[in-house]
Amino acid sequence: MIRVLIADDEELMRAGLRTMLEADDEITVVAEARNGDEAVAGVLRCRPDVVLMDIRMPQSDGLTATRAIGGMADPPKVVVLTTFDLDEYVHAALRAGAVGFLLKDTPPRDLIKAVHVVADGQAMLSPSVTRNLISAFVERDSPIGEDARSRLKALTDREREVLALVGRGLSNGEIGERLHNSQATVKAHMSRLLSKLDLSNRVQAAIFAHDANLVE
């Protein structure tokens, strides 16, 4: 059973999301939160597998909560909810550790699929809108970009290749086909490069690849 926490300041939105999610026999909503502080407290109390996090909430917003949750031991997967696809707040949340984002008008079937995807340890990186978001807000010519290019020195040539393909939105299977490697080998490369770059997930790796100019 996938345990989900819903954080949104609108009661109607929370109720709608709960209804859609609990139509799936493998998903249960264990808590709701009206702001970031309640979301953090709910995670500590209920230990959900996935958090659906509204990014704009009163008192304590979703970005602050995402950062706090990311600093916990064995944190849940955070998926950002937004009404805007190209949004600097969403990008900041991805940098802070969110594994993807959903528009609030996402169809029920896609919402349920997304929860299953992230609960299974995968990042929601495939939709073109996510890649567009990353491309729109990368900071290649800033100190962040310079730092990213410097940190690339820790990677092997193969790890750089894998990182560049992650930045283009390819899955492990697609990367394996491109590089003639097994998925297990690609996963091993991913694990090592995340460790070397001190990144927590695939979305952060994709942002890093763009920052470092590995993706045209």
N, C-alpha and C. Protein backbone atom coordinates (compact mmCIF):
# COMPACT_ATOMS: atom_id res chain seq x y z
N MET A 1 0.85 -1.19 0.00
CA MET A 1 0.00 0.00 0.00
C MET A 1 0.88 1.25 0.00
N ILE A 2 0.60 2.19 -0.90
CA ILE A 2 1.35 3.44 -0.98
C ILE A 2 0.67 4.47 -0.09
N ARG A 3 1.42 5.01 0.87
CA ARG A 3 0.89 5.97 1.83
C ARG A 3 1.18 7.39 1.33
N VAL A 4 0.13 8.22 1.23
CA VAL A 4 0.26 9.55 0.65
C VAL A 4 -0.19 10.62 1.64
N LEU A 5 0.54 11.72 1.67
CA LEU A 5 0.13 12.92 2.40
C LEU A 5 -0.16 14.01 1.37
N ILE A 6 -1.29 14.68 1.52
CA ILE A 6 -1.68 15.78 0.62
C ILE A 6 -1.54 17.10 1.36
N ALA A 7 -0.75 18.02 0.79
CA ALA A 7 -0.58 19.35 1.39
C ALA A 7 -1.08 20.40 0.42
N ASP A 8 -2.17 21.06 0.78
CA ASP A 8 -2.76 22.12 -0.04
C ASP A 8 -3.64 22.98 0.86
N ASP A 9 -3.60 24.28 0.68
CA ASP A 9 -4.37 25.15 1.57
C ASP A 9 -5.85 25.18 1.21
N GLU A 10 -6.24 24.64 0.07
CA GLU A 10 -7.65 24.63 -0.33
C GLU A 10 -8.29 23.29 0.03
N GLU A 11 -9.31 23.34 0.88
CA GLU A 11 -9.97 22.11 1.32
C GLU A 11 -10.58 21.34 0.15
N LEU A 12 -11.15 22.06 -0.80
CA LEU A 12 -11.77 21.41 -1.94
C LEU A 12 -10.74 20.66 -2.78
N MET A 13 -9.55 21.24 -2.95
CA MET A 13 -8.49 20.57 -3.69
C MET A 13 -8.04 19.31 -2.97
N ARG A 14 -7.87 19.41 -1.65
CA ARG A 14 -7.44 18.22 -0.89
C ARG A 14 -8.48 17.11 -1.01
N ALA A 15 -9.75 17.48 -0.91
CA ALA A 15 -10.82 16.47 -0.99
C ALA A 15 -10.84 15.82 -2.36
N GLY A 16 -10.65 16.62 -3.41
CA GLY A 16 -10.64 16.08 -4.76
C GLY A 16 -9.48 15.14 -5.00
N LEU A 17 -8.30 15.53 -4.52
CA LEU A 17 -7.13 14.67 -4.67
C LEU A 17 -7.30 13.37 -3.91
N ARG A 18 -7.83 13.47 -2.69
CA ARG A 18 -8.06 12.25 -1.90
C ARG A 18 -9.01 11.29 -2.63
N THR A 19 -10.10 11.83 -3.16
CA THR A 19 -11.07 11.00 -3.86
C THR A 19 -10.44 10.30 -5.06
N MET A 20 -9.65 11.04 -5.83
CA MET A 20 -9.01 10.46 -7.01
C MET A 20 -8.01 9.38 -6.62
N LEU A 21 -7.19 9.67 -5.62
CA LEU A 21 -6.14 8.73 -5.24
C LEU A 21 -6.72 7.45 -4.63
N GLU A 22 -7.71 7.60 -3.78
CA GLU A 22 -8.23 6.43 -3.08
C GLU A 22 -9.16 5.60 -3.95
N ALA A 23 -9.34 6.02 -5.22
CA ALA A 23 -10.02 5.15 -6.18
C ALA A 23 -9.11 3.99 -6.59
N ASP A 24 -7.81 4.13 -6.28
CA ASP A 24 -6.84 3.06 -6.54
C ASP A 24 -6.68 2.23 -5.27
N ASP A 25 -6.84 0.92 -5.39
CA ASP A 25 -6.79 0.03 -4.22
C ASP A 25 -5.42 -0.02 -3.56
N GLU A 26 -4.39 0.45 -4.27
CA GLU A 26 -3.03 0.36 -3.73
C GLU A 26 -2.56 1.68 -3.11
N ILE A 27 -3.44 2.67 -3.03
CA ILE A 27 -3.08 3.97 -2.48
C ILE A 27 -4.01 4.32 -1.32
N THR A 28 -3.43 4.83 -0.23
CA THR A 28 -4.23 5.34 0.88
C THR A 28 -3.68 6.70 1.30
N VAL A 29 -4.57 7.65 1.54
CA VAL A 29 -4.18 8.98 2.01
C VAL A 29 -4.14 8.93 3.53
N VAL A 30 -2.95 9.09 4.11
CA VAL A 30 -2.79 8.94 5.56
C VAL A 30 -2.87 10.27 6.29
N ALA A 31 -2.76 11.40 5.57
CA ALA A 31 -2.82 12.70 6.24
C ALA A 31 -3.05 13.81 5.23
N GLU A 32 -3.58 14.93 5.72
CA GLU A 32 -3.73 16.14 4.93
C GLU A 32 -3.09 17.29 5.70
N ALA A 33 -2.64 18.31 4.96
CA ALA A 33 -2.01 19.47 5.59
C ALA A 33 -2.47 20.73 4.87
N ARG A 34 -2.64 21.82 5.63
CA ARG A 34 -3.09 23.09 5.06
C ARG A 34 -1.94 24.05 4.77
N ASN A 35 -0.76 23.75 5.26
CA ASN A 35 0.41 24.60 5.02
C ASN A 35 1.68 23.78 5.22
N GLY A 36 2.82 24.42 4.99
CA GLY A 36 4.08 23.70 5.06
C GLY A 36 4.40 23.13 6.42
N ASP A 37 4.08 23.89 7.47
CA ASP A 37 4.36 23.40 8.83
C ASP A 37 3.57 22.13 9.12
N GLU A 38 2.30 22.12 8.73
CA GLU A 38 1.48 20.94 8.95
C GLU A 38 1.98 19.77 8.10
N ALA A 39 2.50 20.06 6.92
CA ALA A 39 3.04 19.00 6.06
C ALA A 39 4.25 18.33 6.72
N VAL A 40 5.15 19.14 7.25
CA VAL A 40 6.34 18.59 7.92
C VAL A 40 5.93 17.77 9.13
N ALA A 41 5.00 18.30 9.93
CA ALA A 41 4.53 17.57 11.11
C ALA A 41 3.84 16.26 10.70
N GLY A 42 3.07 16.32 9.60
CA GLY A 42 2.38 15.13 9.13
C GLY A 42 3.33 14.05 8.65
N VAL A 43 4.41 14.46 8.03
CA VAL A 43 5.42 13.49 7.58
C VAL A 43 6.05 12.80 8.78
N LEU A 44 6.39 13.57 9.80
CA LEU A 44 6.99 12.99 11.00
C LEU A 44 6.02 12.06 11.73
N ARG A 45 4.75 12.42 11.71
CA ARG A 45 3.75 11.64 12.43
C ARG A 45 3.31 10.39 11.68
N CYS A 46 3.14 10.51 10.37
CA CYS A 46 2.48 9.42 9.60
C CYS A 46 3.42 8.65 8.69
N ARG A 47 4.63 9.17 8.45
CA ARG A 47 5.62 8.51 7.61
C ARG A 47 5.04 8.06 6.27
N PRO A 48 4.55 8.99 5.46
CA PRO A 48 4.03 8.63 4.13
C PRO A 48 5.17 8.24 3.18
N ASP A 49 4.80 7.59 2.10
CA ASP A 49 5.77 7.25 1.06
C ASP A 49 5.91 8.40 0.06
N VAL A 50 4.79 9.10 -0.17
CA VAL A 50 4.74 10.17 -1.17
C VAL A 50 4.02 11.36 -0.57
N VAL A 51 4.52 12.57 -0.84
CA VAL A 51 3.86 13.81 -0.44
C VAL A 51 3.50 14.59 -1.69
N LEU A 52 2.22 14.94 -1.83
CA LEU A 52 1.79 15.85 -2.89
C LEU A 52 1.76 17.25 -2.27
N MET A 53 2.67 18.11 -2.72
CA MET A 53 2.93 19.37 -2.03
C MET A 53 2.56 20.58 -2.88
N ASP A 54 1.54 21.31 -2.46
CA ASP A 54 1.23 22.60 -3.08
C ASP A 54 2.39 23.55 -2.78
N ILE A 55 2.88 24.25 -3.78
CA ILE A 55 4.06 25.07 -3.57
C ILE A 55 3.73 26.42 -2.95
N ARG A 56 2.51 26.91 -3.15
CA ARG A 56 2.14 28.24 -2.65
C ARG A 56 1.05 28.09 -1.59
N MET A 57 1.47 28.18 -0.33
CA MET A 57 0.54 28.07 0.79
C MET A 57 0.85 29.15 1.81
N PRO A 58 -0.14 29.58 2.60
CA PRO A 58 0.09 30.63 3.60
C PRO A 58 0.91 30.12 4.78
N GLN A 59 1.45 31.04 5.54
CA GLN A 59 2.22 30.76 6.77
C GLN A 59 3.55 30.11 6.44
N SER A 60 3.55 28.89 5.98
CA SER A 60 4.77 28.20 5.60
C SER A 60 4.53 27.54 4.26
N ASP A 61 5.30 27.93 3.24
CA ASP A 61 4.98 27.44 1.89
C ASP A 61 5.57 26.06 1.61
N GLY A 62 5.25 25.55 0.42
CA GLY A 62 5.68 24.21 0.05
C GLY A 62 7.17 24.09 -0.17
N LEU A 63 7.80 25.16 -0.61
CA LEU A 63 9.24 25.13 -0.83
C LEU A 63 9.99 24.93 0.48
N THR A 64 9.61 25.70 1.50
CA THR A 64 10.23 25.56 2.81
C THR A 64 10.01 24.16 3.37
N ALA A 65 8.80 23.65 3.20
CA ALA A 65 8.49 22.31 3.69
C ALA A 65 9.28 21.25 2.94
N THR A 66 9.43 21.41 1.63
CA THR A 66 10.18 20.45 0.83
C THR A 66 11.63 20.37 1.29
N ARG A 67 12.22 21.53 1.57
CA ARG A 67 13.60 21.54 2.08
C ARG A 67 13.69 20.82 3.42
N ALA A 68 12.73 21.08 4.30
CA ALA A 68 12.75 20.45 5.62
C ALA A 68 12.57 18.95 5.51
N ILE A 69 11.67 18.51 4.66
CA ILE A 69 11.43 17.08 4.50
C ILE A 69 12.65 16.40 3.87
N GLY A 70 13.28 17.08 2.93
CA GLY A 70 14.47 16.51 2.29
C GLY A 70 15.62 16.28 3.25
N GLY A 71 15.63 17.03 4.36
CA GLY A 71 16.70 16.87 5.34
C GLY A 71 16.44 15.78 6.35
N MET A 72 15.28 15.13 6.26
CA MET A 72 14.96 14.05 7.20
C MET A 72 15.66 12.75 6.80
N ALA A 73 15.79 11.85 7.76
CA ALA A 73 16.31 10.52 7.46
C ALA A 73 15.24 9.74 6.70
N ASP A 74 15.62 9.12 5.59
CA ASP A 74 14.70 8.34 4.76
C ASP A 74 13.44 9.13 4.46
N PRO A 75 13.57 10.27 3.78
CA PRO A 75 12.40 11.12 3.53
C PRO A 75 11.47 10.52 2.49
N PRO A 76 10.19 10.92 2.52
CA PRO A 76 9.26 10.49 1.47
C PRO A 76 9.58 11.22 0.16
N LYS A 77 9.03 10.72 -0.92
CA LYS A 77 9.18 11.38 -2.22
C LYS A 77 8.20 12.55 -2.28
N VAL A 78 8.70 13.73 -2.62
CA VAL A 78 7.86 14.92 -2.70
C VAL A 78 7.58 15.26 -4.16
N VAL A 79 6.30 15.38 -4.49
CA VAL A 79 5.86 15.81 -5.81
C VAL A 79 5.16 17.15 -5.65
N VAL A 80 5.62 18.15 -6.37
CA VAL A 80 5.08 19.50 -6.25
C VAL A 80 3.80 19.63 -7.07
N LEU A 81 2.80 20.28 -6.48
CA LEU A 81 1.54 20.60 -7.17
C LEU A 81 1.55 22.08 -7.54
N THR A 82 1.23 22.39 -8.78
CA THR A 82 1.26 23.78 -9.20
C THR A 82 0.22 24.04 -10.28
N THR A 83 -0.17 25.29 -10.43
CA THR A 83 -1.06 25.67 -11.52
C THR A 83 -0.27 26.23 -12.69
N PHE A 84 1.04 26.40 -12.52
CA PHE A 84 1.88 26.97 -13.56
C PHE A 84 2.99 25.98 -13.91
N ASP A 85 3.20 25.69 -15.21
CA ASP A 85 4.23 24.74 -15.57
C ASP A 85 5.63 25.34 -15.49
N LEU A 86 5.83 26.56 -15.99
CA LEU A 86 7.14 27.20 -15.90
C LEU A 86 7.12 28.18 -14.74
N ASP A 87 7.60 27.75 -13.60
CA ASP A 87 7.48 28.48 -12.36
C ASP A 87 8.79 28.37 -11.59
N GLU A 88 9.38 29.53 -11.24
CA GLU A 88 10.66 29.48 -10.53
C GLU A 88 10.56 28.80 -9.18
N TYR A 89 9.37 28.82 -8.57
CA TYR A 89 9.20 28.15 -7.29
C TYR A 89 9.28 26.63 -7.46
N VAL A 90 8.72 26.14 -8.55
CA VAL A 90 8.81 24.72 -8.83
C VAL A 90 10.27 24.32 -9.05
N HIS A 91 10.97 25.14 -9.80
CA HIS A 91 12.38 24.84 -10.06
C HIS A 91 13.17 24.81 -8.77
N ALA A 92 12.90 25.75 -7.88
CA ALA A 92 13.59 25.77 -6.59
C ALA A 92 13.25 24.51 -5.78
N ALA A 93 12.01 24.05 -5.87
CA ALA A 93 11.61 22.84 -5.16
C ALA A 93 12.33 21.62 -5.72
N LEU A 94 12.53 21.57 -7.04
CA LEU A 94 13.27 20.46 -7.64
C LEU A 94 14.72 20.48 -7.15
N ARG A 95 15.29 21.66 -7.07
CA ARG A 95 16.65 21.76 -6.53
C ARG A 95 16.70 21.32 -5.07
N ALA A 96 15.62 21.56 -4.35
CA ALA A 96 15.57 21.24 -2.92
C ALA A 96 15.30 19.76 -2.66
N GLY A 97 15.00 19.00 -3.71
CA GLY A 97 14.84 17.56 -3.51
C GLY A 97 13.53 16.96 -4.00
N ALA A 98 12.58 17.78 -4.49
CA ALA A 98 11.35 17.21 -5.04
C ALA A 98 11.70 16.36 -6.26
N VAL A 99 10.94 15.28 -6.46
CA VAL A 99 11.27 14.36 -7.55
C VAL A 99 10.48 14.63 -8.82
N GLY A 100 9.67 15.67 -8.81
CA GLY A 100 8.90 16.01 -9.99
C GLY A 100 7.76 16.93 -9.63
N PHE A 101 6.92 17.24 -10.62
CA PHE A 101 5.79 18.09 -10.31
C PHE A 101 4.61 17.74 -11.20
N LEU A 102 3.44 18.09 -10.71
CA LEU A 102 2.19 17.85 -11.43
C LEU A 102 1.39 19.15 -11.49
N LEU A 103 0.75 19.38 -12.62
CA LEU A 103 -0.20 20.48 -12.70
C LEU A 103 -1.47 20.07 -11.97
N LYS A 104 -2.15 21.03 -11.37
CA LYS A 104 -3.32 20.71 -10.56
C LYS A 104 -4.50 20.19 -11.39
N ASP A 105 -4.45 20.39 -12.69
CA ASP A 105 -5.53 19.86 -13.53
C ASP A 105 -5.14 18.52 -14.18
N THR A 106 -4.14 17.85 -13.61
CA THR A 106 -3.72 16.54 -14.13
C THR A 106 -4.90 15.56 -14.05
N PRO A 107 -5.16 14.81 -15.12
CA PRO A 107 -6.25 13.82 -15.10
C PRO A 107 -6.03 12.77 -14.01
N PRO A 108 -7.10 12.23 -13.43
CA PRO A 108 -6.97 11.25 -12.34
C PRO A 108 -6.06 10.07 -12.67
N ARG A 109 -6.18 9.53 -13.88
CA ARG A 109 -5.35 8.37 -14.25
C ARG A 109 -3.87 8.73 -14.21
N ASP A 110 -3.52 9.93 -14.69
CA ASP A 110 -2.12 10.35 -14.69
C ASP A 110 -1.63 10.64 -13.28
N LEU A 111 -2.50 11.17 -12.44
CA LEU A 111 -2.15 11.43 -11.04
C LEU A 111 -1.80 10.12 -10.33
N ILE A 112 -2.65 9.12 -10.50
CA ILE A 112 -2.43 7.82 -9.86
C ILE A 112 -1.14 7.19 -10.39
N LYS A 113 -0.94 7.27 -11.69
CA LYS A 113 0.29 6.71 -12.27
C LYS A 113 1.52 7.41 -11.71
N ALA A 114 1.45 8.73 -11.56
CA ALA A 114 2.58 9.48 -11.03
C ALA A 114 2.94 9.04 -9.61
N VAL A 115 1.93 8.83 -8.78
CA VAL A 115 2.18 8.38 -7.41
C VAL A 115 2.86 7.02 -7.41
N HIS A 116 2.42 6.13 -8.27
CA HIS A 116 3.06 4.81 -8.37
C HIS A 116 4.50 4.94 -8.85
N VAL A 117 4.73 5.81 -9.81
CA VAL A 117 6.08 5.98 -10.37
C VAL A 117 7.06 6.45 -9.31
N VAL A 118 6.69 7.49 -8.56
CA VAL A 118 7.63 8.02 -7.58
C VAL A 118 7.76 7.10 -6.38
N ALA A 119 6.69 6.41 -6.01
CA ALA A 119 6.77 5.46 -4.89
C ALA A 119 7.71 4.33 -5.22
N ASP A 120 7.83 4.03 -6.52
CA ASP A 120 8.72 2.96 -6.97
C ASP A 120 10.17 3.42 -7.07
N GLY A 121 10.42 4.67 -6.69
CA GLY A 121 11.79 5.17 -6.67
C GLY A 121 12.23 5.86 -7.94
N GLN A 122 11.30 6.10 -8.86
CA GLN A 122 11.65 6.77 -10.10
C GLN A 122 11.30 8.25 -10.01
N ALA A 123 12.00 9.05 -10.81
CA ALA A 123 11.71 10.48 -10.86
C ALA A 123 10.78 10.77 -12.02
N MET A 124 9.92 11.75 -11.83
CA MET A 124 9.01 12.17 -12.89
C MET A 124 9.73 13.16 -13.80
N LEU A 125 10.56 12.61 -14.68
CA LEU A 125 11.41 13.45 -15.50
C LEU A 125 11.06 13.40 -16.98
N SER A 126 10.25 12.44 -17.36
CA SER A 126 9.98 12.23 -18.78
C SER A 126 9.15 13.33 -19.44
N PRO A 127 8.10 13.86 -18.79
CA PRO A 127 7.28 14.86 -19.49
C PRO A 127 8.11 16.03 -19.98
N SER A 128 7.84 16.45 -21.21
CA SER A 128 8.62 17.53 -21.81
C SER A 128 8.52 18.81 -20.99
N VAL A 129 7.40 19.01 -20.30
CA VAL A 129 7.25 20.24 -19.52
C VAL A 129 8.29 20.31 -18.41
N THR A 130 8.68 19.17 -17.83
CA THR A 130 9.72 19.17 -16.80
C THR A 130 11.06 19.55 -17.40
N ARG A 131 11.37 18.99 -18.57
CA ARG A 131 12.63 19.34 -19.22
C ARG A 131 12.65 20.82 -19.58
N ASN A 132 11.50 21.33 -20.05
CA ASN A 132 11.43 22.75 -20.38
C ASN A 132 11.67 23.62 -19.15
N LEU A 133 11.11 23.19 -18.02
CA LEU A 133 11.29 23.94 -16.78
C LEU A 133 12.76 24.00 -16.39
N ILE A 134 13.43 22.85 -16.45
CA ILE A 134 14.84 22.79 -16.11
C ILE A 134 15.64 23.71 -17.02
N SER A 135 15.36 23.63 -18.33
CA SER A 135 16.10 24.45 -19.29
C SER A 135 15.87 25.94 -19.06
N ALA A 136 14.66 26.30 -18.63
CA ALA A 136 14.32 27.71 -18.48
C ALA A 136 15.04 28.37 -17.31
N PHE A 137 15.38 27.59 -16.29
CA PHE A 137 15.89 28.20 -15.07
C PHE A 137 17.32 27.81 -14.71
N VAL A 138 18.01 27.05 -15.58
CA VAL A 138 19.40 26.70 -15.26
C VAL A 138 20.24 27.97 -15.26
N GLU A 139 21.36 27.90 -14.54
CA GLU A 139 22.20 29.09 -14.36
C GLU A 139 23.61 28.79 -14.85
N ARG A 140 23.73 28.60 -16.15
CA ARG A 140 25.00 28.17 -16.73
C ARG A 140 26.12 29.19 -16.57
N ASP A 141 25.77 30.45 -16.65
CA ASP A 141 26.80 31.50 -16.61
C ASP A 141 26.94 32.12 -15.23
N SER A 142 26.39 31.48 -14.22
CA SER A 142 26.44 31.98 -12.85
C SER A 142 27.47 31.19 -12.07
N PRO A 143 27.75 31.59 -10.82
CA PRO A 143 28.62 30.78 -9.96
C PRO A 143 28.14 29.35 -9.82
N ILE A 144 26.81 29.15 -9.89
CA ILE A 144 26.28 27.78 -9.81
C ILE A 144 26.77 26.96 -11.00
N GLY A 145 26.72 27.56 -12.20
CA GLY A 145 27.21 26.86 -13.38
C GLY A 145 28.69 26.57 -13.31
N GLU A 146 29.46 27.54 -12.84
CA GLU A 146 30.91 27.36 -12.71
C GLU A 146 31.22 26.24 -11.72
N ASP A 147 30.49 26.22 -10.62
CA ASP A 147 30.70 25.18 -9.61
C ASP A 147 30.35 23.81 -10.18
N ALA A 148 29.27 23.73 -10.94
CA ALA A 148 28.85 22.45 -11.53
C ALA A 148 29.93 21.93 -12.48
N ARG A 149 30.47 22.80 -13.32
CA ARG A 149 31.50 22.35 -14.26
C ARG A 149 32.76 21.91 -13.53
N SER A 150 33.07 22.56 -12.43
CA SER A 150 34.23 22.16 -11.65
C SER A 150 34.04 20.79 -11.02
N ARG A 151 32.85 20.53 -10.52
CA ARG A 151 32.57 19.25 -9.86
C ARG A 151 32.52 18.08 -10.83
N LEU A 152 32.35 18.36 -12.12
CA LEU A 152 32.34 17.29 -13.12
C LEU A 152 33.67 16.53 -13.15
N LYS A 153 34.75 17.16 -12.68
CA LYS A 153 36.06 16.52 -12.71
C LYS A 153 36.10 15.23 -11.90
N ALA A 154 35.17 15.09 -10.96
CA ALA A 154 35.14 13.89 -10.12
C ALA A 154 34.57 12.68 -10.85
N LEU A 155 33.94 12.91 -12.02
CA LEU A 155 33.27 11.83 -12.74
C LEU A 155 34.16 11.20 -13.79
N THR A 156 33.91 9.92 -14.05
CA THR A 156 34.56 9.25 -15.17
C THR A 156 33.88 9.69 -16.47
N ASP A 157 34.50 9.38 -17.60
CA ASP A 157 33.90 9.73 -18.89
C ASP A 157 32.54 9.08 -19.05
N ARG A 158 32.40 7.81 -18.63
CA ARG A 158 31.13 7.12 -18.77
C ARG A 158 30.07 7.75 -17.86
N GLU A 159 30.45 8.12 -16.66
CA GLU A 159 29.50 8.76 -15.75
C GLU A 159 29.02 10.10 -16.31
N ARG A 160 29.93 10.82 -17.00
CA ARG A 160 29.51 12.07 -17.64
C ARG A 160 28.50 11.80 -18.75
N GLU A 161 28.74 10.75 -19.52
CA GLU A 161 27.81 10.39 -20.58
C GLU A 161 26.43 10.08 -20.01
N VAL A 162 26.41 9.29 -18.94
CA VAL A 162 25.14 8.94 -18.30
C VAL A 162 24.45 10.20 -17.78
N LEU A 163 25.20 11.08 -17.14
CA LEU A 163 24.64 12.31 -16.60
C LEU A 163 24.03 13.18 -17.69
N ALA A 164 24.73 13.29 -18.82
CA ALA A 164 24.22 14.09 -19.93
C ALA A 164 22.90 13.53 -20.46
N LEU A 165 22.79 12.21 -20.53
CA LEU A 165 21.57 11.59 -21.03
C LEU A 165 20.43 11.73 -20.03
N VAL A 166 20.75 11.70 -18.73
CA VAL A 166 19.74 11.97 -17.71
C VAL A 166 19.21 13.39 -17.89
N GLY A 167 20.10 14.31 -18.18
CA GLY A 167 19.69 15.69 -18.40
C GLY A 167 18.78 15.86 -19.61
N ARG A 168 18.86 14.94 -20.54
CA ARG A 168 17.98 14.98 -21.71
C ARG A 168 16.67 14.26 -21.47
N GLY A 169 16.50 13.71 -20.26
CA GLY A 169 15.23 13.10 -19.90
C GLY A 169 15.12 11.62 -20.21
N LEU A 170 16.23 10.96 -20.53
CA LEU A 170 16.17 9.54 -20.87
C LEU A 170 16.06 8.68 -19.62
N SER A 171 15.34 7.58 -19.73
CA SER A 171 15.22 6.61 -18.64
C SER A 171 16.47 5.73 -18.60
N ASN A 172 16.60 4.92 -17.55
CA ASN A 172 17.73 4.01 -17.47
C ASN A 172 17.75 3.04 -18.65
N GLY A 173 16.56 2.56 -19.04
CA GLY A 173 16.49 1.65 -20.16
C GLY A 173 16.95 2.30 -21.45
N GLU A 174 16.52 3.54 -21.68
CA GLU A 174 16.92 4.26 -22.89
C GLU A 174 18.42 4.57 -22.88
N ILE A 175 18.95 4.91 -21.69
CA ILE A 175 20.38 5.16 -21.59
C ILE A 175 21.16 3.89 -21.87
N GLY A 176 20.68 2.76 -21.34
CA GLY A 176 21.34 1.49 -21.58
C GLY A 176 21.40 1.15 -23.05
N GLU A 177 20.30 1.38 -23.76
CA GLU A 177 20.28 1.11 -25.20
C GLU A 177 21.25 2.03 -25.93
N ARG A 178 21.29 3.29 -25.53
CA ARG A 178 22.17 4.26 -26.20
C ARG A 178 23.64 3.90 -25.99
N LEU A 179 23.99 3.45 -24.78
CA LEU A 179 25.38 3.18 -24.44
C LEU A 179 25.75 1.70 -24.52
N HIS A 180 24.76 0.87 -24.92
CA HIS A 180 24.98 -0.58 -25.02
C HIS A 180 25.37 -1.17 -23.68
N ASN A 181 24.69 -0.71 -22.63
CA ASN A 181 24.88 -1.21 -21.27
C ASN A 181 23.58 -1.80 -20.76
N SER A 182 23.67 -2.68 -19.77
CA SER A 182 22.48 -3.19 -19.12
C SER A 182 21.90 -2.12 -18.19
N GLN A 183 20.62 -2.27 -17.83
CA GLN A 183 20.03 -1.32 -16.88
C GLN A 183 20.74 -1.38 -15.54
N ALA A 184 21.18 -2.56 -15.15
CA ALA A 184 21.91 -2.69 -13.88
C ALA A 184 23.19 -1.87 -13.90
N THR A 185 23.87 -1.89 -15.05
CA THR A 185 25.11 -1.10 -15.17
C THR A 185 24.81 0.38 -15.12
N VAL A 186 23.73 0.80 -15.80
CA VAL A 186 23.35 2.22 -15.78
C VAL A 186 23.00 2.65 -14.36
N LYS A 187 22.25 1.80 -13.64
CA LYS A 187 21.90 2.11 -12.26
C LYS A 187 23.15 2.27 -11.40
N ALA A 188 24.15 1.42 -11.64
CA ALA A 188 25.40 1.52 -10.88
C ALA A 188 26.10 2.84 -11.18
N HIS A 189 26.13 3.24 -12.46
CA HIS A 189 26.72 4.53 -12.82
C HIS A 189 25.97 5.66 -12.15
N MET A 190 24.62 5.58 -12.16
CA MET A 190 23.80 6.61 -11.54
C MET A 190 24.10 6.73 -10.05
N SER A 191 24.18 5.60 -9.37
CA SER A 191 24.44 5.60 -7.94
C SER A 191 25.78 6.26 -7.63
N ARG A 192 26.78 5.93 -8.42
CA ARG A 192 28.12 6.49 -8.17
C ARG A 192 28.16 7.99 -8.45
N LEU A 193 27.54 8.42 -9.56
CA LEU A 193 27.62 9.85 -9.88
C LEU A 193 26.80 10.69 -8.91
N LEU A 194 25.67 10.17 -8.44
CA LEU A 194 24.91 10.90 -7.43
C LEU A 194 25.73 11.07 -6.16
N SER A 195 26.43 10.00 -5.77
CA SER A 195 27.27 10.06 -4.57
C SER A 195 28.41 11.05 -4.75
N LYS A 196 29.09 11.00 -5.89
CA LYS A 196 30.23 11.88 -6.14
C LYS A 196 29.82 13.35 -6.19
N LEU A 197 28.63 13.62 -6.71
CA LEU A 197 28.16 15.00 -6.86
C LEU A 197 27.33 15.47 -5.67
N ASP A 198 27.12 14.58 -4.69
CA ASP A 198 26.33 14.89 -3.50
C ASP A 198 24.92 15.34 -3.89
N LEU A 199 24.30 14.56 -4.78
CA LEU A 199 22.93 14.81 -5.21
C LEU A 199 22.04 13.71 -4.66
N SER A 200 20.76 14.03 -4.47
CA SER A 200 19.88 13.05 -3.83
C SER A 200 18.98 12.29 -4.79
N ASN A 201 18.77 12.79 -6.00
CA ASN A 201 17.87 12.08 -6.90
C ASN A 201 18.13 12.45 -8.35
N ARG A 202 17.38 11.81 -9.23
CA ARG A 202 17.57 11.94 -10.67
C ARG A 202 17.23 13.34 -11.19
N VAL A 203 16.23 13.97 -10.60
CA VAL A 203 15.87 15.32 -11.05
C VAL A 203 17.00 16.30 -10.75
N GLN A 204 17.58 16.21 -9.56
CA GLN A 204 18.72 17.07 -9.24
C GLN A 204 19.87 16.81 -10.20
N ALA A 205 20.06 15.55 -10.59
CA ALA A 205 21.12 15.21 -11.55
C ALA A 205 20.85 15.87 -12.89
N ALA A 206 19.59 15.87 -13.31
CA ALA A 206 19.24 16.49 -14.59
C ALA A 206 19.49 18.00 -14.55
N ILE A 207 19.12 18.64 -13.46
CA ILE A 207 19.38 20.08 -13.32
C ILE A 207 20.88 20.34 -13.33
N PHE A 208 21.62 19.50 -12.62
CA PHE A 208 23.08 19.65 -12.57
C PHE A 208 23.67 19.53 -13.99
N ALA A 209 23.17 18.57 -14.78
CA ALA A 209 23.68 18.38 -16.13
C ALA A 209 23.47 19.64 -16.97
N HIS A 210 22.32 20.29 -16.80
CA HIS A 210 22.06 21.53 -17.53
C HIS A 210 22.96 22.65 -17.01
N ASP A 211 23.10 22.75 -15.69
CA ASP A 211 23.97 23.78 -15.12
C ASP A 211 25.39 23.66 -15.64
N ALA A 212 25.85 22.41 -15.82
CA ALA A 212 27.23 22.16 -16.22
C ALA A 212 27.43 22.20 -17.73
N ASN A 213 26.39 22.57 -18.46
CA ASN A 213 26.47 22.67 -19.92
C ASN A 213 26.67 21.32 -20.61
N LEU A 214 26.21 20.24 -19.98
CA LEU A 214 26.30 18.93 -20.61
C LEU A 214 25.17 18.70 -21.59
N VAL A 215 24.13 19.53 -21.52
CA VAL A 215 22.95 19.37 -22.36
C VAL A 215 22.77 20.61 -23.21
N GLU A 216 22.70 20.40 -24.49
CA GLU A 216 22.52 21.55 -25.41
C GLU A 216 21.06 21.97 -25.46
